[in-house]
PDB file of N, CA and C in Angstrom:
ATOM      1  N   MET A   1      -2.413  -8.963  -6.112  1.00  0.00           N
ATOM      2  CA  MET A   1      -1.131  -8.434  -6.543  1.00  0.00           C
ATOM      3  C   MET A   1      -1.253  -7.718  -7.885  1.00  0.00           C
ATOM      4  N   ILE A   2      -2.027  -8.287  -8.768  1.00  0.00           N
ATOM      5  CA  ILE A   2      -2.190  -7.677 -10.084  1.00  0.00           C
ATOM      6  C   ILE A   2      -2.856  -6.313  -9.960  1.00  0.00           C
ATOM      7  N   LEU A   3      -3.909  -6.238  -9.166  1.00  0.00           N
ATOM      8  CA  LEU A   3      -4.632  -4.974  -8.997  1.00  0.00           C
ATOM      9  C   LEU A   3      -3.734  -3.907  -8.394  1.00  0.00           C
ATOM     10  N   GLU A   4      -3.043  -4.246  -7.332  1.00  0.00           N
ATOM     11  CA  GLU A   4      -2.249  -3.239  -6.631  1.00  0.00           C
ATOM     12  C   GLU A   4      -1.007  -2.833  -7.414  1.00  0.00           C
ATOM     13  N   THR A   5      -0.408  -3.756  -8.126  1.00  0.00           N
ATOM     14  CA  THR A   5       0.749  -3.414  -8.948  1.00  0.00           C
ATOM     15  C   THR A   5       0.328  -2.464 -10.065  1.00  0.00           C
ATOM     16  N   GLU A   6      -0.802  -2.758 -10.686  1.00  0.00           N
ATOM     17  CA  GLU A   6      -1.331  -1.878 -11.729  1.00  0.00           C
ATOM     18  C   GLU A   6      -1.730  -0.524 -11.154  1.00  0.00           C
ATOM     19  N   ALA A   7      -2.334  -0.518  -9.979  1.00  0.00           N
ATOM     20  CA  ALA A   7      -2.731   0.741  -9.342  1.00  0.00           C
ATOM     21  C   ALA A   7      -1.504   1.614  -9.080  1.00  0.00           C
ATOM     22  N   ALA A   8      -0.424   1.023  -8.595  1.00  0.00           N
ATOM     23  CA  ALA A   8       0.790   1.789  -8.317  1.00  0.00           C
ATOM     24  C   ALA A   8       1.382   2.368  -9.603  1.00  0.00           C
ATOM     25  N   ALA A   9       1.409   1.564 -10.644  1.00  0.00           N
ATOM     26  CA  ALA A   9       1.947   2.043 -11.926  1.00  0.00           C
ATOM     27  C   ALA A   9       1.103   3.193 -12.472  1.00  0.00           C
ATOM     28  N   LYS A  10      -0.206   3.033 -12.440  1.00  0.00           N
ATOM     29  CA  LYS A  10      -1.103   4.084 -12.938  1.00  0.00           C
ATOM     30  C   LYS A  10      -1.031   5.327 -12.055  1.00  0.00           C
ATOM     31  N   ALA A  11      -0.908   5.140 -10.761  1.00  0.00           N
ATOM     32  CA  ALA A  11      -0.813   6.281  -9.842  1.00  0.00           C
ATOM     33  C   ALA A  11       0.433   7.110 -10.164  1.00  0.00           C
ATOM     34  N   ALA A  12       1.530   6.453 -10.493  1.00  0.00           N
ATOM     35  CA  ALA A  12       2.754   7.172 -10.834  1.00  0.00           C
ATOM     36  C   ALA A  12       2.554   8.058 -12.063  1.00  0.00           C
ATOM     37  N   LEU A  13       1.739   7.606 -12.972  1.00  0.00           N
ATOM     38  CA  LEU A  13       1.503   8.354 -14.205  1.00  0.00           C
ATOM     39  C   LEU A  13       0.410   9.416 -14.075  1.00  0.00           C
ATOM     40  N   ARG A  14      -0.565   9.169 -13.215  1.00  0.00           N
ATOM     41  CA  ARG A  14      -1.760  10.008 -13.178  1.00  0.00           C
ATOM     42  C   ARG A  14      -1.934  10.838 -11.920  1.00  0.00           C
ATOM     43  N   ARG A  15      -1.096  10.653 -10.942  1.00  0.00           N
ATOM     44  CA  ARG A  15      -1.286  11.284  -9.637  1.00  0.00           C
ATOM     45  C   ARG A  15      -1.209  12.807  -9.732  1.00  0.00           C
ATOM     46  N   THR A  16      -1.914  13.446  -8.808  1.00  0.00           N
ATOM     47  CA  THR A  16      -1.864  14.890  -8.667  1.00  0.00           C
ATOM     48  C   THR A  16      -1.080  15.218  -7.399  1.00  0.00           C
ATOM     49  N   ASP A  17      -0.809  16.483  -7.205  1.00  0.00           N
ATOM     50  CA  ASP A  17      -0.151  16.891  -5.966  1.00  0.00           C
ATOM     51  C   ASP A  17      -1.033  16.555  -4.763  1.00  0.00           C
ATOM     52  N   GLU A  18      -2.327  16.696  -4.926  1.00  0.00           N
ATOM     53  CA  GLU A  18      -3.265  16.353  -3.845  1.00  0.00           C
ATOM     54  C   GLU A  18      -3.211  14.861  -3.531  1.00  0.00           C
ATOM     55  N   ASP A  19      -3.096  14.037  -4.548  1.00  0.00           N
ATOM     56  CA  ASP A  19      -2.951  12.593  -4.327  1.00  0.00           C
ATOM     57  C   ASP A  19      -1.696  12.291  -3.518  1.00  0.00           C
ATOM     58  N   ILE A  20      -0.605  12.949  -3.854  1.00  0.00           N
ATOM     59  CA  ILE A  20       0.646  12.739  -3.113  1.00  0.00           C
ATOM     60  C   ILE A  20       0.442  13.108  -1.653  1.00  0.00           C
ATOM     61  N   LYS A  21      -0.209  14.223  -1.389  1.00  0.00           N
ATOM     62  CA  LYS A  21      -0.483  14.623  -0.006  1.00  0.00           C
ATOM     63  C   LYS A  21      -1.309  13.564   0.716  1.00  0.00           C
ATOM     64  N   ASN A  22      -2.314  13.022   0.038  1.00  0.00           N
ATOM     65  CA  ASN A  22      -3.168  12.001   0.647  1.00  0.00           C
ATOM     66  C   ASN A  22      -2.414  10.704   0.930  1.00  0.00           C
ATOM     67  N   ILE A  23      -1.559  10.307   0.005  1.00  0.00           N
ATOM     68  CA  ILE A  23      -0.757   9.099   0.213  1.00  0.00           C
ATOM     69  C   ILE A  23       0.243   9.328   1.347  1.00  0.00           C
ATOM     70  N   GLU A  24       0.872  10.497   1.362  1.00  0.00           N
ATOM     71  CA  GLU A  24       1.811  10.832   2.438  1.00  0.00           C
ATOM     72  C   GLU A  24       1.114  10.841   3.798  1.00  0.00           C
ATOM     73  N   LYS A  25      -0.077  11.404   3.844  1.00  0.00           N
ATOM     74  CA  LYS A  25      -0.843  11.436   5.090  1.00  0.00           C
ATOM     75  C   LYS A  25      -1.137  10.013   5.572  1.00  0.00           C
ATOM     76  N   ALA A  26      -1.525   9.145   4.650  1.00  0.00           N
ATOM     77  CA  ALA A  26      -1.800   7.745   4.996  1.00  0.00           C
ATOM     78  C   ALA A  26      -0.525   7.045   5.453  1.00  0.00           C
ATOM     79  N   LEU A  27       0.584   7.312   4.776  1.00  0.00           N
ATOM     80  CA  LEU A  27       1.861   6.701   5.168  1.00  0.00           C
ATOM     81  C   LEU A  27       2.282   7.182   6.556  1.00  0.00           C
ATOM     82  N   ASN A  28       2.133   8.455   6.819  1.00  0.00           N
ATOM     83  CA  ASN A  28       2.512   8.983   8.133  1.00  0.00           C
ATOM     84  C   ASN A  28       1.652   8.394   9.251  1.00  0.00           C
ATOM     85  N   ALA A  29       0.372   8.206   8.997  1.00  0.00           N
ATOM     86  CA  ALA A  29      -0.504   7.559   9.989  1.00  0.00           C
ATOM     87  C   ALA A  29      -0.054   6.125  10.222  1.00  0.00           C
ATOM     88  N   TYR A  30       0.316   5.450   9.146  1.00  0.00           N
ATOM     89  CA  TYR A  30       0.822   4.072   9.239  1.00  0.00           C
ATOM     90  C   TYR A  30       2.103   4.029  10.075  1.00  0.00           C
ATOM     91  N   ILE A  31       3.028   4.946   9.795  1.00  0.00           N
ATOM     92  CA  ILE A  31       4.295   4.973  10.525  1.00  0.00           C
ATOM     93  C   ILE A  31       4.058   5.244  12.009  1.00  0.00           C
ATOM     94  N   ARG A  32       3.212   6.220  12.312  1.00  0.00           N
ATOM     95  CA  ARG A  32       2.920   6.523  13.724  1.00  0.00           C
ATOM     96  C   ARG A  32       2.372   5.300  14.449  1.00  0.00           C
ATOM     97  N   LYS A  33       1.449   4.593  13.816  1.00  0.00           N
ATOM     98  CA  LYS A  33       0.839   3.419  14.447  1.00  0.00           C
ATOM     99  C   LYS A  33       1.853   2.294  14.599  1.00  0.00           C
ATOM    100  N   ARG A  34       2.653   2.056  13.556  1.00  0.00           N
ATOM    101  CA  ARG A  34       3.658   0.989  13.625  1.00  0.00           C
ATOM    102  C   ARG A  34       4.705   1.300  14.691  1.00  0.00           C
ATOM    103  N   ASN A  35       5.028   2.568  14.862  1.00  0.00           N
ATOM    104  CA  ASN A  35       6.025   2.947  15.858  1.00  0.00           C
ATOM    105  C   ASN A  35       5.534   2.768  17.291  1.00  0.00           C
ATOM    106  N   THR A  36       4.240   2.560  17.458  1.00  0.00           N
ATOM    107  CA  THR A  36       3.705   2.253  18.788  1.00  0.00           C
ATOM    108  C   THR A  36       3.623   0.745  18.991  1.00  0.00           C
ATOM    109  N   ASN A  37       4.158  -0.015  18.025  1.00  0.00           N
ATOM    110  CA  ASN A  37       4.133  -1.480  18.028  1.00  0.00           C
ATOM    111  C   ASN A  37       2.728  -2.056  17.936  1.00  0.00           C
ATOM    112  N   ASP A  38       1.836  -1.316  17.291  1.00  0.00           N
ATOM    113  CA  ASP A  38       0.516  -1.838  16.969  1.00  0.00           C
ATOM    114  C   ASP A  38       0.533  -2.314  15.516  1.00  0.00           C
ATOM    115  N   ALA A  39      -0.418  -3.144  15.150  1.00  0.00           N
ATOM    116  CA  ALA A  39      -0.426  -3.773  13.830  1.00  0.00           C
ATOM    117  C   ALA A  39      -0.666  -2.797  12.681  1.00  0.00           C
ATOM    118  N   ALA A  40      -1.436  -1.740  12.862  1.00  0.00           N
ATOM    119  CA  ALA A  40      -1.678  -0.719  11.835  1.00  0.00           C
ATOM    120  C   ALA A  40      -2.371  -1.265  10.598  1.00  0.00           C
ATOM    121  N   ILE A  41      -3.276  -2.185  10.785  1.00  0.00           N
ATOM    122  CA  ILE A  41      -3.975  -2.787   9.643  1.00  0.00           C
ATOM    123  C   ILE A  41      -4.828  -1.757   8.912  1.00  0.00           C
ATOM    124  N   ASP A  42      -5.597  -0.969   9.645  1.00  0.00           N
ATOM    125  CA  ASP A  42      -6.445   0.043   8.998  1.00  0.00           C
ATOM    126  C   ASP A  42      -5.607   1.093   8.284  1.00  0.00           C
ATOM    127  N   GLU A  43      -4.507   1.490   8.883  1.00  0.00           N
ATOM    128  CA  GLU A  43      -3.627   2.485   8.277  1.00  0.00           C
ATOM    129  C   GLU A  43      -2.948   1.936   7.019  1.00  0.00           C
ATOM    130  N   ASP A  44      -2.593   0.668   7.058  1.00  0.00           N
ATOM    131  CA  ASP A  44      -2.020   0.008   5.887  1.00  0.00           C
ATOM    132  C   ASP A  44      -3.046  -0.007   4.754  1.00  0.00           C
ATOM    133  N   PHE A  45      -4.258  -0.384   5.079  1.00  0.00           N
ATOM    134  CA  PHE A  45      -5.346  -0.402   4.100  1.00  0.00           C
ATOM    135  C   PHE A  45      -5.521   0.980   3.469  1.00  0.00           C
ATOM    136  N   MET A  46      -5.523   2.031   4.281  1.00  0.00           N
ATOM    137  CA  MET A  46      -5.732   3.376   3.764  1.00  0.00           C
ATOM    138  C   MET A  46      -4.611   3.787   2.826  1.00  0.00           C
ATOM    139  N   PHE A  47      -3.379   3.420   3.147  1.00  0.00           N
ATOM    140  CA  PHE A  47      -2.251   3.714   2.258  1.00  0.00           C
ATOM    141  C   PHE A  47      -2.486   3.104   0.877  1.00  0.00           C
ATOM    142  N   HIS A  48      -2.891   1.860   0.848  1.00  0.00           N
ATOM    143  CA  HIS A  48      -3.114   1.172  -0.425  1.00  0.00           C
ATOM    144  C   HIS A  48      -4.328   1.737  -1.172  1.00  0.00           C
ATOM    145  N   ILE A  49      -5.357   2.096  -0.451  1.00  0.00           N
ATOM    146  CA  ILE A  49      -6.539   2.694  -1.089  1.00  0.00           C
ATOM    147  C   ILE A  49      -6.200   4.047  -1.698  1.00  0.00           C
ATOM    148  N   LYS A  50      -5.411   4.842  -1.012  1.00  0.00           N
ATOM    149  CA  LYS A  50      -5.030   6.159  -1.543  1.00  0.00           C
ATOM    150  C   LYS A  50      -4.218   6.007  -2.825  1.00  0.00           C
ATOM    151  N   ILE A  51      -3.416   4.965  -2.919  1.00  0.00           N
ATOM    152  CA  ILE A  51      -2.693   4.699  -4.161  1.00  0.00           C
ATOM    153  C   ILE A  51      -3.681   4.326  -5.261  1.00  0.00           C
ATOM    154  N   ALA A  52      -4.635   3.472  -4.942  1.00  0.00           N
ATOM    155  CA  ALA A  52      -5.644   3.088  -5.936  1.00  0.00           C
ATOM    156  C   ALA A  52      -6.421   4.321  -6.413  1.00  0.00           C
ATOM    157  N   GLU A  53      -6.789   5.187  -5.496  1.00  0.00           N
ATOM    158  CA  GLU A  53      -7.509   6.410  -5.872  1.00  0.00           C
ATOM    159  C   GLU A  53      -6.650   7.286  -6.780  1.00  0.00           C
ATOM    160  N   ALA A  54      -5.356   7.354  -6.512  1.00  0.00           N
ATOM    161  CA  ALA A  54      -4.449   8.156  -7.332  1.00  0.00           C
ATOM    162  C   ALA A  54      -4.287   7.590  -8.741  1.00  0.00           C
ATOM    163  N   SER A  55      -4.633   6.324  -8.920  1.00  0.00           N
ATOM    164  CA  SER A  55      -4.543   5.715 -10.252  1.00  0.00           C
ATOM    165  C   SER A  55      -5.585   6.277 -11.204  1.00  0.00           C
ATOM    166  N   LYS A  56      -6.605   6.918 -10.633  1.00  0.00           N
ATOM    167  CA  LYS A  56      -7.716   7.489 -11.416  1.00  0.00           C
ATOM    168  C   LYS A  56      -8.460   6.414 -12.197  1.00  0.00           C
ATOM    169  N   ASN A  57      -8.426   5.204 -11.676  1.00  0.00           N
ATOM    170  CA  ASN A  57      -9.149   4.094 -12.295  1.00  0.00           C
ATOM    171  C   ASN A  57     -10.188   3.617 -11.287  1.00  0.00           C
ATOM    172  N   SER A  58     -11.423   3.969 -11.525  1.00  0.00           N
ATOM    173  CA  SER A  58     -12.488   3.652 -10.573  1.00  0.00           C
ATOM    174  C   SER A  58     -12.717   2.152 -10.440  1.00  0.00           C
ATOM    175  N   VAL A  59     -12.439   1.394 -11.482  1.00  0.00           N
ATOM    176  CA  VAL A  59     -12.608  -0.063 -11.407  1.00  0.00           C
ATOM    177  C   VAL A  59     -11.579  -0.648 -10.433  1.00  0.00           C
ATOM    178  N   LEU A  60     -10.333  -0.230 -10.545  1.00  0.00           N
ATOM    179  CA  LEU A  60      -9.300  -0.712  -9.622  1.00  0.00           C
ATOM    180  C   LEU A  60      -9.660  -0.357  -8.182  1.00  0.00           C
ATOM    181  N   THR A  61     -10.070   0.876  -7.978  1.00  0.00           N
ATOM    182  CA  THR A  61     -10.416   1.313  -6.623  1.00  0.00           C
ATOM    183  C   THR A  61     -11.601   0.521  -6.090  1.00  0.00           C
ATOM    184  N   SER A  62     -12.623   0.336  -6.892  1.00  0.00           N
ATOM    185  CA  SER A  62     -13.809  -0.419  -6.463  1.00  0.00           C
ATOM    186  C   SER A  62     -13.455  -1.867  -6.133  1.00  0.00           C
ATOM    187  N   LEU A  63     -12.664  -2.498  -6.971  1.00  0.00           N
ATOM    188  CA  LEU A  63     -12.265  -3.885  -6.715  1.00  0.00           C
ATOM    189  C   LEU A  63     -11.462  -3.997  -5.423  1.00  0.00           C
ATOM    190  N   MET A  64     -10.589  -3.034  -5.190  1.00  0.00           N
ATOM    191  CA  MET A  64      -9.815  -3.053  -3.941  1.00  0.00           C
ATOM    192  C   MET A  64     -10.745  -2.923  -2.736  1.00  0.00           C
ATOM    193  N   LEU A  65     -11.734  -2.072  -2.840  1.00  0.00           N
ATOM    194  CA  LEU A  65     -12.668  -1.893  -1.731  1.00  0.00           C
ATOM    195  C   LEU A  65     -13.510  -3.149  -1.496  1.00  0.00           C
ATOM    196  N   ILE A  66     -13.764  -3.906  -2.547  1.00  0.00           N
ATOM    197  CA  ILE A  66     -14.556  -5.131  -2.423  1.00  0.00           C
ATOM    198  C   ILE A  66     -13.742  -6.248  -1.761  1.00  0.00           C
ATOM    199  N   ILE A  67     -12.500  -6.422  -2.190  1.00  0.00           N
ATOM    200  CA  ILE A  67     -11.722  -7.569  -1.703  1.00  0.00           C
ATOM    201  C   ILE A  67     -10.991  -7.302  -0.388  1.00  0.00           C
ATOM    202  N   THR A  68     -10.792  -6.067  -0.053  1.00  0.00           N
ATOM    203  CA  THR A  68      -9.984  -5.746   1.118  1.00  0.00           C
ATOM    204  C   THR A  68     -10.524  -6.283   2.435  1.00  0.00           C
ATOM    205  N   PRO A  69     -11.826  -6.215   2.714  1.00  0.00           N
ATOM    206  CA  PRO A  69     -12.285  -6.767   4.000  1.00  0.00           C
ATOM    207  C   PRO A  69     -11.891  -8.230   4.213  1.00  0.00           C
ATOM    208  N   ASP A  70     -11.967  -9.041   3.179  1.00  0.00           N
ATOM    209  CA  ASP A  70     -11.550 -10.443   3.294  1.00  0.00           C
ATOM    210  C   ASP A  70     -10.049 -10.551   3.528  1.00  0.00           C
ATOM    211  N   LEU A  71      -9.279  -9.728   2.826  1.00  0.00           N
ATOM    212  CA  LEU A  71      -7.828  -9.743   3.022  1.00  0.00           C
ATOM    213  C   LEU A  71      -7.457  -9.337   4.443  1.00  0.00           C
ATOM    214  N   LEU A  72      -8.104  -8.302   4.941  1.00  0.00           N
ATOM    215  CA  LEU A  72      -7.807  -7.850   6.300  1.00  0.00           C
ATOM    216  C   LEU A  72      -8.110  -8.930   7.321  1.00  0.00           C
ATOM    217  N   GLN A  73      -9.191  -9.657   7.114  1.00  0.00           N
ATOM    218  CA  GLN A  73      -9.531 -10.751   8.024  1.00  0.00           C
ATOM    219  C   GLN A  73      -8.446 -11.825   8.009  1.00  0.00           C
ATOM    220  N   GLN A  74      -7.973 -12.165   6.820  1.00  0.00           N
ATOM    221  CA  GLN A  74      -6.887 -13.147   6.716  1.00  0.00           C
ATOM    222  C   GLN A  74      -5.618 -12.634   7.368  1.00  0.00           C
ATOM    223  N   TYR A  75      -5.293 -11.367   7.138  1.00  0.00           N
ATOM    224  CA  TYR A  75      -4.090 -10.781   7.730  1.00  0.00           C
ATOM    225  C   TYR A  75      -4.140 -10.866   9.246  1.00  0.00           C
ATOM    226  N   LYS A  76      -5.300 -10.583   9.813  1.00  0.00           N
ATOM    227  CA  LYS A  76      -5.443 -10.650  11.266  1.00  0.00           C
ATOM    228  C   LYS A  76      -5.251 -12.081  11.765  1.00  0.00           C
ATOM    229  N   GLN A  77      -5.862 -13.034  11.079  1.00  0.00           N
ATOM    230  CA  GLN A  77      -5.759 -14.432  11.495  1.00  0.00           C
ATOM    231  C   GLN A  77      -4.337 -14.955  11.384  1.00  0.00           C
ATOM    232  N   LEU A  78      -3.641 -14.560  10.324  1.00  0.00           N
ATOM    233  CA  LEU A  78      -2.295 -15.062  10.071  1.00  0.00           C
ATOM    234  C   LEU A  78      -1.212 -14.177  10.679  1.00  0.00           C
ATOM    235  N   GLU A  79      -1.615 -13.123  11.347  1.00  0.00           N
ATOM    236  CA  GLU A  79      -0.692 -12.172  11.978  1.00  0.00           C
ATOM    237  C   GLU A  79       0.338 -11.639  10.978  1.00  0.00           C
ATOM    238  N   VAL A  80      -0.130 -11.355   9.770  1.00  0.00           N
ATOM    239  CA  VAL A  80       0.735 -10.824   8.724  1.00  0.00           C
ATOM    240  C   VAL A  80       1.254  -9.437   9.109  1.00  0.00           C
ATOM    241  N   CYS A  81       0.443  -8.689   9.804  1.00  0.00           N
ATOM    242  CA  CYS A  81       0.819  -7.319  10.151  1.00  0.00           C
ATOM    243  C   CYS A  81       1.406  -7.219  11.548  1.00  0.00           C
ATOM    244  N   ASP A  82       2.093  -8.260  11.983  1.00  0.00           N
ATOM    245  CA  ASP A  82       2.705  -8.170  13.308  1.00  0.00           C
ATOM    246  C   ASP A  82       3.817  -7.112  13.269  1.00  0.00           C
ATOM    247  N   THR A  83       4.351  -6.811  14.398  1.00  0.00           N
ATOM    248  CA  THR A  83       5.294  -5.695  14.483  1.00  0.00           C
ATOM    249  C   THR A  83       6.750  -6.095  14.257  1.00  0.00           C
ATOM    250  N   SER A  84       7.015  -7.335  13.945  1.00  0.00           N
ATOM    251  CA  SER A  84       8.405  -7.782  13.798  1.00  0.00           C
ATOM    252  C   SER A  84       9.084  -7.202  12.558  1.00  0.00           C
ATOM    253  N   LYS A  85       8.310  -6.725  11.601  1.00  0.00           N
ATOM    254  CA  LYS A  85       8.893  -6.191  10.365  1.00  0.00           C
ATOM    255  C   LYS A  85       8.554  -4.714  10.187  1.00  0.00           C
ATOM    256  N   ASN A  86       8.451  -3.978  11.281  1.00  0.00           N
ATOM    257  CA  ASN A  86       8.090  -2.565  11.204  1.00  0.00           C
ATOM    258  C   ASN A  86       8.953  -1.786  10.221  1.00  0.00           C
ATOM    259  N   THR A  87      10.256  -1.848  10.386  1.00  0.00           N
ATOM    260  CA  THR A  87      11.156  -1.056   9.552  1.00  0.00           C
ATOM    261  C   THR A  87      11.061  -1.473   8.096  1.00  0.00           C
ATOM    262  N   GLN A  88      11.003  -2.777   7.849  1.00  0.00           N
ATOM    263  CA  GLN A  88      10.913  -3.259   6.467  1.00  0.00           C
ATOM    264  C   GLN A  88       9.638  -2.764   5.794  1.00  0.00           C
ATOM    265  N   ARG A  89       8.503  -2.893   6.462  1.00  0.00           N
ATOM    266  CA  ARG A  89       7.225  -2.462   5.868  1.00  0.00           C
ATOM    267  C   ARG A  89       7.215  -0.953   5.616  1.00  0.00           C
ATOM    268  N   ILE A  90       7.738  -0.190   6.562  1.00  0.00           N
ATOM    269  CA  ILE A  90       7.794   1.263   6.379  1.00  0.00           C
ATOM    270  C   ILE A  90       8.683   1.601   5.185  1.00  0.00           C
ATOM    271  N   ASN A  91       9.814   0.935   5.065  1.00  0.00           N
ATOM    272  CA  ASN A  91      10.711   1.169   3.928  1.00  0.00           C
ATOM    273  C   ASN A  91      10.058   0.792   2.604  1.00  0.00           C
ATOM    274  N   GLU A  92       9.325  -0.312   2.599  1.00  0.00           N
ATOM    275  CA  GLU A  92       8.627  -0.729   1.375  1.00  0.00           C
ATOM    276  C   GLU A  92       7.583   0.304   0.978  1.00  0.00           C
ATOM    277  N   HIS A  93       6.797   0.758   1.934  1.00  0.00           N
ATOM    278  CA  HIS A  93       5.777   1.777   1.644  1.00  0.00           C
ATOM    279  C   HIS A  93       6.437   3.060   1.148  1.00  0.00           C
ATOM    280  N   SER A  94       7.531   3.453   1.776  1.00  0.00           N
ATOM    281  CA  SER A  94       8.234   4.676   1.379  1.00  0.00           C
ATOM    282  C   SER A  94       8.776   4.566  -0.047  1.00  0.00           C
ATOM    283  N   ALA A  95       9.278   3.395  -0.416  1.00  0.00           N
ATOM    284  CA  ALA A  95       9.787   3.183  -1.771  1.00  0.00           C
ATOM    285  C   ALA A  95       8.670   3.294  -2.804  1.00  0.00           C
ATOM    286  N   ILE A  96       7.508   2.765  -2.476  1.00  0.00           N
ATOM    287  CA  ILE A  96       6.355   2.870  -3.377  1.00  0.00           C
ATOM    288  C   ILE A  96       5.982   4.335  -3.555  1.00  0.00           C
ATOM    289  N   LEU A  97       5.873   5.055  -2.455  1.00  0.00           N
ATOM    290  CA  LEU A  97       5.523   6.474  -2.525  1.00  0.00           C
ATOM    291  C   LEU A  97       6.565   7.258  -3.309  1.00  0.00           C
ATOM    292  N   ASP A  98       7.841   7.012  -3.074  1.00  0.00           N
ATOM    293  CA  ASP A  98       8.894   7.728  -3.799  1.00  0.00           C
ATOM    294  C   ASP A  98       8.765   7.512  -5.309  1.00  0.00           C
ATOM    295  N   ALA A  99       8.504   6.294  -5.717  1.00  0.00           N
ATOM    296  CA  ALA A  99       8.353   6.011  -7.151  1.00  0.00           C
ATOM    297  C   ALA A  99       7.141   6.737  -7.726  1.00  0.00           C
ATOM    298  N   ILE A 100       6.060   6.767  -6.977  1.00  0.00           N
ATOM    299  CA  ILE A 100       4.873   7.483  -7.438  1.00  0.00           C
ATOM    300  C   ILE A 100       5.165   8.977  -7.527  1.00  0.00           C
ATOM    301  N   LYS A 101       5.826   9.530  -6.525  1.00  0.00           N
ATOM    302  CA  LYS A 101       6.207  10.950  -6.561  1.00  0.00           C
ATOM    303  C   LYS A 101       7.048  11.263  -7.788  1.00  0.00           C
ATOM    304  N   ASN A 102       7.977  10.362  -8.117  1.00  0.00           N
ATOM    305  CA  ASN A 102       8.897  10.563  -9.238  1.00  0.00           C
ATOM    306  C   ASN A 102       8.283  10.212 -10.592  1.00  0.00           C
ATOM    307  N   ARG A 103       7.007   9.830 -10.563  1.00  0.00           N
ATOM    308  CA  ARG A 103       6.283   9.456 -11.786  1.00  0.00           C
ATOM    309  C   ARG A 103       6.965   8.298 -12.523  1.00  0.00           C
ATOM    310  N   ASP A 104       7.561   7.405 -11.747  1.00  0.00           N
ATOM    311  CA  ASP A 104       8.254   6.243 -12.297  1.00  0.00           C
ATOM    312  C   ASP A 104       7.333   5.028 -12.178  1.00  0.00           C
ATOM    313  N   SER A 105       6.570   4.790 -13.205  1.00  0.00           N
ATOM    314  CA  SER A 105       5.569   3.725 -13.159  1.00  0.00           C
ATOM    315  C   SER A 105       6.193   2.339 -13.052  1.00  0.00           C
ATOM    316  N   ILE A 106       7.328   2.143 -13.674  1.00  0.00           N
ATOM    317  CA  ILE A 106       7.992   0.832 -13.622  1.00  0.00           C
ATOM    318  C   ILE A 106       8.476   0.554 -12.201  1.00  0.00           C
ATOM    319  N   GLU A 107       9.109   1.546 -11.580  1.00  0.00           N
ATOM    320  CA  GLU A 107       9.600   1.363 -10.213  1.00  0.00           C
ATOM    321  C   GLU A 107       8.441   1.260  -9.222  1.00  0.00           C
ATOM    322  N   ALA A 108       7.375   2.000  -9.450  1.00  0.00           N
ATOM    323  CA  ALA A 108       6.204   1.912  -8.566  1.00  0.00           C
ATOM    324  C   ALA A 108       5.626   0.501  -8.605  1.00  0.00           C
ATOM    325  N   ALA A 109       5.480  -0.050  -9.794  1.00  0.00           N
ATOM    326  CA  ALA A 109       4.962  -1.413  -9.932  1.00  0.00           C
ATOM    327  C   ALA A 109       5.923  -2.429  -9.312  1.00  0.00           C
ATOM    328  N   ARG A 110       7.223  -2.254  -9.543  1.00  0.00           N
ATOM    329  CA  ARG A 110       8.219  -3.171  -8.997  1.00  0.00           C
ATOM    330  C   ARG A 110       8.228  -3.115  -7.469  1.00  0.00           C
ATOM    331  N   SER A 111       8.190  -1.923  -6.916  1.00  0.00           N
ATOM    332  CA  SER A 111       8.199  -1.767  -5.462  1.00  0.00           C
ATOM    333  C   SER A 111       6.944  -2.364  -4.834  1.00  0.00           C
ATOM    334  N   MET A 112       5.801  -2.146  -5.468  1.00  0.00           N
ATOM    335  CA  MET A 112       4.556  -2.723  -4.946  1.00  0.00           C
ATOM    336  C   MET A 112       4.611  -4.242  -5.042  1.00  0.00           C
ATOM    337  N   ASN A 113       5.115  -4.753  -6.149  1.00  0.00           N
ATOM    338  CA  ASN A 113       5.210  -6.201  -6.323  1.00  0.00           C
ATOM    339  C   ASN A 113       6.109  -6.828  -5.266  1.00  0.00           C
ATOM    340  N   MET A 114       7.238  -6.193  -4.987  1.00  0.00           N
ATOM    341  CA  MET A 114       8.150  -6.716  -3.957  1.00  0.00           C
ATOM    342  C   MET A 114       7.469  -6.707  -2.587  1.00  0.00           C
ATOM    343  N   HIS A 115       6.784  -5.631  -2.283  1.00  0.00           N
ATOM    344  CA  HIS A 115       6.073  -5.497  -1.005  1.00  0.00           C
ATOM    345  C   HIS A 115       5.026  -6.595  -0.860  1.00  0.00           C
ATOM    346  N   LEU A 116       4.223  -6.782  -1.874  1.00  0.00           N
ATOM    347  CA  LEU A 116       3.140  -7.765  -1.802  1.00  0.00           C
ATOM    348  C   LEU A 116       3.659  -9.196  -1.858  1.00  0.00           C
ATOM    349  N   THR A 117       4.762  -9.424  -2.558  1.00  0.00           N
ATOM    350  CA  THR A 117       5.350 -10.760  -2.599  1.00  0.00           C
ATOM    351  C   THR A 117       5.795 -11.176  -1.203  1.00  0.00           C
ATOM    352  N   ASP A 118       6.420 -10.270  -0.491  1.00  0.00           N
ATOM    353  CA  ASP A 118       6.857 -10.576   0.878  1.00  0.00           C
ATOM    354  C   ASP A 118       5.649 -10.889   1.759  1.00  0.00           C
ATOM    355  N   ILE A 119       4.614 -10.109   1.632  1.00  0.00           N
ATOM    356  CA  ILE A 119       3.408 -10.347   2.438  1.00  0.00           C
ATOM    357  C   ILE A 119       2.767 -11.686   2.071  1.00  0.00           C
ATOM    358  N   ARG A 120       2.673 -11.964   0.773  1.00  0.00           N
ATOM    359  CA  ARG A 120       2.064 -13.226   0.315  1.00  0.00           C
ATOM    360  C   ARG A 120       2.845 -14.431   0.827  1.00  0.00           C
ATOM    361  N   GLU A 121       4.143 -14.359   0.737  1.00  0.00           N
ATOM    362  CA  GLU A 121       4.969 -15.476   1.201  1.00  0.00           C
ATOM    363  C   GLU A 121       4.805 -15.698   2.696  1.00  0.00           C
ATOM    364  N   ARG A 122       4.608 -14.635   3.422  1.00  0.00           N
ATOM    365  CA  ARG A 122       4.414 -14.736   4.868  1.00  0.00           C
ATOM    366  C   ARG A 122       3.027 -15.285   5.212  1.00  0.00           C
ATOM    367  N   ALA A 123       2.052 -14.988   4.357  1.00  0.00           N
ATOM    368  CA  ALA A 123       0.674 -15.383   4.646  1.00  0.00           C
ATOM    369  C   ALA A 123       0.359 -16.793   4.151  1.00  0.00           C
ATOM    370  N   CYS A 124       1.138 -17.317   3.271  1.00  0.00           N
ATOM    371  CA  CYS A 124       0.796 -18.625   2.667  1.00  0.00           C
ATOM    372  C   CYS A 124       1.580 -19.767   3.283  1.00  0.00           C
TER     373      CYS A 124
END
């Protein structure tokens, strides 16, 4: 949570137009997959990685790449990415992207924190 919240805040401050396109592309892939009632775990991962890359902090991005395989395994086992919350997850991702687009680091961090808190509570 700390890494991703910081990544979202930094992305809001440091992102380029190209970063926004990459995050949007990842979000659209996520939405397409979720709308087919599939789990979209890989697409979810890519959305979060694109945010980390937009933070322009190589340490944050590297740490996310290191810990993500273990997280994905847990998500699969605990069915965190089931399709029952499609609309909620899409809305959460969209709110994060909107804050990053608007260069609102506080809202980006808050939106990411809310998103991850819901996931954590579901997984624990």
